[in-house]
Amino acid sequence: MNIEAIIPDRDTVILCYCNAYNRGALSANTLREMGYTNAKLIAGGLKGYKSLKGA
Protein backbone atom coordinates (compact mmCIF):
# COMPACT_ATOMS: atom_id res chain seq x y z
CA MET A 1 0.00 0.00 0.00
CA ASN A 2 2.97 2.31 0.56
CA ILE A 3 5.11 1.17 -2.34
CA GLU A 4 5.09 4.50 -4.17
CA ALA A 5 6.63 6.27 -1.17
CA ILE A 6 9.15 3.50 -0.49
CA ILE A 7 10.17 2.75 -4.11
CA PRO A 8 9.41 5.75 -6.32
CA ASP A 9 11.54 4.47 -9.24
CA ARG A 10 9.17 2.33 -11.30
CA ASP A 11 12.09 0.57 -13.04
CA THR A 12 13.39 -0.97 -9.79
CA VAL A 13 13.38 -4.77 -9.70
CA ILE A 14 10.83 -5.94 -7.13
CA LEU A 15 10.62 -9.65 -6.25
CA CYS A 16 7.22 -10.85 -5.06
CA TYR A 17 6.50 -14.15 -3.33
CA CYS A 18 4.30 -15.89 -0.81
CA ASN A 19 4.36 -19.37 0.70
CA ALA A 20 2.80 -20.92 -2.38
CA TYR A 21 1.92 -18.85 -5.45
CA ASN A 22 -1.35 -16.88 -5.44
CA ARG A 23 -0.57 -13.79 -3.36
CA GLY A 24 2.86 -13.34 -4.90
CA ALA A 25 1.39 -13.50 -8.40
CA LEU A 26 -1.35 -11.06 -7.45
CA SER A 27 1.18 -8.67 -5.94
CA ALA A 28 3.46 -8.75 -8.99
CA ASN A 29 0.49 -8.22 -11.30
CA THR A 30 -0.82 -5.30 -9.24
CA LEU A 31 2.61 -3.66 -9.21
CA ARG A 32 2.90 -4.03 -13.00
CA GLU A 33 -0.55 -2.45 -13.38
CA MET A 34 0.74 0.44 -11.26
CA GLY A 35 3.60 0.92 -13.71
CA TYR A 36 6.39 -1.00 -11.97
CA THR A 37 7.93 -2.55 -15.06
CA ASN A 38 10.26 -4.97 -13.25
CA ALA A 39 7.87 -6.55 -10.74
CA LYS A 40 8.77 -10.25 -10.79
CA LEU A 41 7.29 -13.39 -9.27
CA ILE A 42 9.51 -15.97 -7.60
CA ALA A 43 8.20 -19.20 -9.15
CA GLY A 44 7.04 -21.69 -6.54
CA GLY A 45 6.90 -19.04 -3.84
CA LEU A 46 8.97 -19.22 -0.69
CA LYS A 47 8.73 -23.02 -0.64
CA GLY A 48 10.15 -23.23 -4.17
CA TYR A 49 12.97 -20.85 -3.32
CA LYS A 50 13.89 -22.84 -0.22
CA SER A 51 13.90 -26.10 -2.15
CA LEU A 52 16.35 -24.62 -4.64
CA LYS A 53 18.60 -23.39 -1.85
CA GLY A 54 18.44 -26.67 0.05
CA ALA A 55 17.03 -24.96 3.13
PDB file of N, CA and C in Angstrom:
ATOM      1  N   MET A   1       0.815  -1.195   0.000  1.00  0.00           N
ATOM      2  CA  MET A   1       0.000   0.000   0.000  1.00  0.00           C
ATOM      3  C   MET A   1       0.857   1.256   0.000  1.00  0.00           C
ATOM      4  N   ASN A   2       2.083   1.146   0.473  1.00  0.00           N
ATOM      5  CA  ASN A   2       2.966   2.307   0.564  1.00  0.00           C
ATOM      6  C   ASN A   2       4.098   2.252  -0.441  1.00  0.00           C
ATOM      7  N   ILE A   3       4.001   1.424  -1.431  1.00  0.00           N
ATOM      8  CA  ILE A   3       5.108   1.170  -2.343  1.00  0.00           C
ATOM      9  C   ILE A   3       5.592   2.430  -3.050  1.00  0.00           C
ATOM     10  N   GLU A   4       4.692   3.301  -3.418  1.00  0.00           N
ATOM     11  CA  GLU A   4       5.090   4.498  -4.167  1.00  0.00           C
ATOM     12  C   GLU A   4       5.985   5.419  -3.342  1.00  0.00           C
ATOM     13  N   ALA A   5       5.777   5.453  -2.043  1.00  0.00           N
ATOM     14  CA  ALA A   5       6.631   6.272  -1.173  1.00  0.00           C
ATOM     15  C   ALA A   5       7.960   5.579  -0.900  1.00  0.00           C
ATOM     16  N   ILE A   6       7.940   4.259  -0.831  1.00  0.00           N
ATOM     17  CA  ILE A   6       9.147   3.502  -0.494  1.00  0.00           C
ATOM     18  C   ILE A   6      10.042   3.310  -1.722  1.00  0.00           C
ATOM     19  N   ILE A   7       9.422   2.997  -2.868  1.00  0.00           N
ATOM     20  CA  ILE A   7      10.169   2.754  -4.109  1.00  0.00           C
ATOM     21  C   ILE A   7       9.569   3.612  -5.217  1.00  0.00           C
ATOM     22  N   PRO A   8       9.982   4.866  -5.305  1.00  0.00           N
ATOM     23  CA  PRO A   8       9.407   5.753  -6.320  1.00  0.00           C
ATOM     24  C   PRO A   8       9.865   5.440  -7.752  1.00  0.00           C
ATOM     25  N   ASP A   9      11.025   4.803  -7.908  1.00  0.00           N
ATOM     26  CA  ASP A   9      11.544   4.467  -9.237  1.00  0.00           C
ATOM     27  C   ASP A   9      10.826   3.237  -9.766  1.00  0.00           C
ATOM     28  N   ARG A  10      10.001   3.416 -10.774  1.00  0.00           N
ATOM     29  CA  ARG A  10       9.170   2.330 -11.299  1.00  0.00           C
ATOM     30  C   ARG A  10       9.950   1.328 -12.149  1.00  0.00           C
ATOM     31  N   ASP A  11      11.250   1.533 -12.317  1.00  0.00           N
ATOM     32  CA  ASP A  11      12.086   0.570 -13.037  1.00  0.00           C
ATOM     33  C   ASP A  11      12.874  -0.338 -12.082  1.00  0.00           C
ATOM     34  N   THR A  12      12.709  -0.148 -10.782  1.00  0.00           N
ATOM     35  CA  THR A  12      13.389  -0.966  -9.791  1.00  0.00           C
ATOM     36  C   THR A  12      12.888  -2.407  -9.872  1.00  0.00           C
ATOM     37  N   VAL A  13      13.787  -3.366  -9.741  1.00  0.00           N
ATOM     38  CA  VAL A  13      13.379  -4.772  -9.701  1.00  0.00           C
ATOM     39  C   VAL A  13      12.758  -5.045  -8.335  1.00  0.00           C
ATOM     40  N   ILE A  14      11.547  -5.588  -8.353  1.00  0.00           N
ATOM     41  CA  ILE A  14      10.834  -5.944  -7.126  1.00  0.00           C
ATOM     42  C   ILE A  14      10.468  -7.420  -7.229  1.00  0.00           C
ATOM     43  N   LEU A  15      10.913  -8.218  -6.265  1.00  0.00           N
ATOM     44  CA  LEU A  15      10.615  -9.648  -6.250  1.00  0.00           C
ATOM     45  C   LEU A  15       9.444  -9.906  -5.315  1.00  0.00           C
ATOM     46  N   CYS A  16       8.422 -10.551  -5.837  1.00  0.00           N
ATOM     47  CA  CYS A  16       7.222 -10.851  -5.055  1.00  0.00           C
ATOM     48  C   CYS A  16       7.126 -12.348  -4.825  1.00  0.00           C
ATOM     49  N   TYR A  17       6.673 -12.739  -3.640  1.00  0.00           N
ATOM     50  CA  TYR A  17       6.504 -14.149  -3.328  1.00  0.00           C
ATOM     51  C   TYR A  17       5.532 -14.297  -2.173  1.00  0.00           C
ATOM     52  N   CYS A  18       5.055 -15.497  -1.986  1.00  0.00           N
ATOM     53  CA  CYS A  18       4.296 -15.886  -0.807  1.00  0.00           C
ATOM     54  C   CYS A  18       4.676 -17.328  -0.516  1.00  0.00           C
ATOM     55  N   ASN A  19       4.004 -17.982   0.385  1.00  0.00           N
ATOM     56  CA  ASN A  19       4.359 -19.369   0.697  1.00  0.00           C
ATOM     57  C   ASN A  19       4.109 -20.301  -0.475  1.00  0.00           C
ATOM     58  N   ALA A  20       3.129 -20.021  -1.271  1.00  0.00           N
ATOM     59  CA  ALA A  20       2.804 -20.918  -2.379  1.00  0.00           C
ATOM     60  C   ALA A  20       2.928 -20.201  -3.719  1.00  0.00           C
ATOM     61  N   TYR A  21       1.894 -19.468  -4.130  1.00  0.00           N
ATOM     62  CA  TYR A  21       1.921 -18.850  -5.453  1.00  0.00           C
ATOM     63  C   TYR A  21       0.957 -17.671  -5.569  1.00  0.00           C
ATOM     64  N   ASN A  22      -0.260 -17.819  -5.111  1.00  0.00           N
ATOM     65  CA  ASN A  22      -1.345 -16.884  -5.438  1.00  0.00           C
ATOM     66  C   ASN A  22      -1.095 -15.440  -5.046  1.00  0.00           C
ATOM     67  N   ARG A  23      -0.741 -15.184  -3.815  1.00  0.00           N
ATOM     68  CA  ARG A  23      -0.575 -13.793  -3.364  1.00  0.00           C
ATOM     69  C   ARG A  23       0.635 -13.128  -4.016  1.00  0.00           C
ATOM     70  N   GLY A  24       1.684 -13.890  -4.221  1.00  0.00           N
ATOM     71  CA  GLY A  24       2.860 -13.344  -4.901  1.00  0.00           C
ATOM     72  C   GLY A  24       2.532 -12.943  -6.328  1.00  0.00           C
ATOM     73  N   ALA A  25       1.792 -13.797  -7.025  1.00  0.00           N
ATOM     74  CA  ALA A  25       1.390 -13.500  -8.396  1.00  0.00           C
ATOM     75  C   ALA A  25       0.481 -12.288  -8.442  1.00  0.00           C
ATOM     76  N   LEU A  26      -0.447 -12.209  -7.511  1.00  0.00           N
ATOM     77  CA  LEU A  26      -1.355 -11.065  -7.447  1.00  0.00           C
ATOM     78  C   LEU A  26      -0.580  -9.777  -7.168  1.00  0.00           C
ATOM     79  N   SER A  27       0.376  -9.845  -6.260  1.00  0.00           N
ATOM     80  CA  SER A  27       1.183  -8.665  -5.935  1.00  0.00           C
ATOM     81  C   SER A  27       1.992  -8.194  -7.136  1.00  0.00           C
ATOM     82  N   ALA A  28       2.656  -9.125  -7.819  1.00  0.00           N
ATOM     83  CA  ALA A  28       3.456  -8.754  -8.991  1.00  0.00           C
ATOM     84  C   ALA A  28       2.575  -8.147 -10.073  1.00  0.00           C
ATOM     85  N   ASN A  29       1.408  -8.735 -10.286  1.00  0.00           N
ATOM     86  CA  ASN A  29       0.487  -8.220 -11.302  1.00  0.00           C
ATOM     87  C   ASN A  29      -0.002  -6.821 -10.939  1.00  0.00           C
ATOM     88  N   THR A  30      -0.353  -6.619  -9.685  1.00  0.00           N
ATOM     89  CA  THR A  30      -0.819  -5.300  -9.242  1.00  0.00           C
ATOM     90  C   THR A  30       0.273  -4.251  -9.415  1.00  0.00           C
ATOM     91  N   LEU A  31       1.498  -4.596  -9.052  1.00  0.00           N
ATOM     92  CA  LEU A  31       2.609  -3.656  -9.212  1.00  0.00           C
ATOM     93  C   LEU A  31       2.825  -3.311 -10.685  1.00  0.00           C
ATOM     94  N   ARG A  32       2.745  -4.304 -11.564  1.00  0.00           N
ATOM     95  CA  ARG A  32       2.896  -4.029 -13.003  1.00  0.00           C
ATOM     96  C   ARG A  32       1.779  -3.113 -13.496  1.00  0.00           C
ATOM     97  N   GLU A  33       0.563  -3.328 -13.011  1.00  0.00           N
ATOM     98  CA  GLU A  33      -0.553  -2.451 -13.379  1.00  0.00           C
ATOM     99  C   GLU A  33      -0.328  -1.021 -12.891  1.00  0.00           C
ATOM    100  N   MET A  34       0.420  -0.878 -11.804  1.00  0.00           N
ATOM    101  CA  MET A  34       0.739   0.444 -11.258  1.00  0.00           C
ATOM    102  C   MET A  34       1.910   1.088 -11.985  1.00  0.00           C
ATOM    103  N   GLY A  35       2.518   0.360 -12.929  1.00  0.00           N
ATOM    104  CA  GLY A  35       3.604   0.923 -13.710  1.00  0.00           C
ATOM    105  C   GLY A  35       4.989   0.461 -13.311  1.00  0.00           C
ATOM    106  N   TYR A  36       5.094  -0.455 -12.354  1.00  0.00           N
ATOM    107  CA  TYR A  36       6.394  -1.001 -11.968  1.00  0.00           C
ATOM    108  C   TYR A  36       6.767  -2.071 -12.989  1.00  0.00           C
ATOM    109  N   THR A  37       7.645  -1.717 -13.891  1.00  0.00           N
ATOM    110  CA  THR A  37       7.933  -2.550 -15.057  1.00  0.00           C
ATOM    111  C   THR A  37       8.724  -3.802 -14.738  1.00  0.00           C
ATOM    112  N   ASN A  38       9.418  -3.832 -13.600  1.00  0.00           N
ATOM    113  CA  ASN A  38      10.259  -4.974 -13.247  1.00  0.00           C
ATOM    114  C   ASN A  38       9.763  -5.718 -12.013  1.00  0.00           C
ATOM    115  N   ALA A  39       8.438  -5.751 -11.824  1.00  0.00           N
ATOM    116  CA  ALA A  39       7.874  -6.553 -10.735  1.00  0.00           C
ATOM    117  C   ALA A  39       7.897  -8.005 -11.186  1.00  0.00           C
ATOM    118  N   LYS A  40       8.562  -8.848 -10.423  1.00  0.00           N
ATOM    119  CA  LYS A  40       8.767 -10.250 -10.792  1.00  0.00           C
ATOM    120  C   LYS A  40       8.175 -11.169  -9.737  1.00  0.00           C
ATOM    121  N   LEU A  41       7.803 -12.366 -10.162  1.00  0.00           N
ATOM    122  CA  LEU A  41       7.285 -13.394  -9.273  1.00  0.00           C
ATOM    123  C   LEU A  41       8.351 -14.464  -9.094  1.00  0.00           C
ATOM    124  N   ILE A  42       8.620 -14.849  -7.861  1.00  0.00           N
ATOM    125  CA  ILE A  42       9.511 -15.972  -7.605  1.00  0.00           C
ATOM    126  C   ILE A  42       8.680 -17.237  -7.782  1.00  0.00           C
ATOM    127  N   ALA A  43       8.970 -18.000  -8.831  1.00  0.00           N
ATOM    128  CA  ALA A  43       8.199 -19.198  -9.149  1.00  0.00           C
ATOM    129  C   ALA A  43       8.246 -20.184  -8.002  1.00  0.00           C
ATOM    130  N   GLY A  44       7.108 -20.720  -7.634  1.00  0.00           N
ATOM    131  CA  GLY A  44       7.039 -21.687  -6.540  1.00  0.00           C
ATOM    132  C   GLY A  44       6.958 -21.053  -5.169  1.00  0.00           C
ATOM    133  N   GLY A  45       6.995 -19.739  -5.116  1.00  0.00           N
ATOM    134  CA  GLY A  45       6.904 -19.043  -3.844  1.00  0.00           C
ATOM    135  C   GLY A  45       8.092 -19.314  -2.935  1.00  0.00           C
ATOM    136  N   LEU A  46       7.902 -19.045  -1.672  1.00  0.00           N
ATOM    137  CA  LEU A  46       8.969 -19.220  -0.693  1.00  0.00           C
ATOM    138  C   LEU A  46       9.386 -20.689  -0.596  1.00  0.00           C
ATOM    139  N   LYS A  47       8.416 -21.585  -0.695  1.00  0.00           N
ATOM    140  CA  LYS A  47       8.732 -23.017  -0.645  1.00  0.00           C
ATOM    141  C   LYS A  47       9.630 -23.415  -1.814  1.00  0.00           C
ATOM    142  N   GLY A  48       9.329 -22.920  -3.000  1.00  0.00           N
ATOM    143  CA  GLY A  48      10.150 -23.226  -4.173  1.00  0.00           C
ATOM    144  C   GLY A  48      11.552 -22.669  -4.047  1.00  0.00           C
ATOM    145  N   TYR A  49      11.657 -21.466  -3.520  1.00  0.00           N
ATOM    146  CA  TYR A  49      12.966 -20.851  -3.322  1.00  0.00           C
ATOM    147  C   TYR A  49      13.789 -21.664  -2.326  1.00  0.00           C
ATOM    148  N   LYS A  50      13.168 -22.060  -1.221  1.00  0.00           N
ATOM    149  CA  LYS A  50      13.891 -22.836  -0.223  1.00  0.00           C
ATOM    150  C   LYS A  50      14.337 -24.181  -0.764  1.00  0.00           C
ATOM    151  N   SER A  51      13.513 -24.803  -1.607  1.00  0.00           N
ATOM    152  CA  SER A  51      13.900 -26.100  -2.152  1.00  0.00           C
ATOM    153  C   SER A  51      15.080 -25.981  -3.087  1.00  0.00           C
ATOM    154  N   LEU A  52      15.204 -24.853  -3.783  1.00  0.00           N
ATOM    155  CA  LEU A  52      16.354 -24.623  -4.644  1.00  0.00           C
ATOM    156  C   LEU A  52      17.624 -24.379  -3.843  1.00  0.00           C
ATOM    157  N   LYS A  53      17.462 -23.737  -2.699  1.00  0.00           N
ATOM    158  CA  LYS A  53      18.603 -23.385  -1.853  1.00  0.00           C
ATOM    159  C   LYS A  53      18.970 -24.510  -0.902  1.00  0.00           C
ATOM    160  N   GLY A  54      18.160 -25.561  -0.851  1.00  0.00           N
ATOM    161  CA  GLY A  54      18.443 -26.673   0.054  1.00  0.00           C
ATOM    162  C   GLY A  54      18.171 -26.353   1.514  1.00  0.00           C
ATOM    163  N   ALA A  55      17.320 -25.364   1.746  1.00  0.00           N
ATOM    164  CA  ALA A  55      17.033 -24.961   3.129  1.00  0.00           C
ATOM    165  C   ALA A  55      16.002 -25.835   3.780  1.00  0.00           C
TER     166      ALA A  55
END
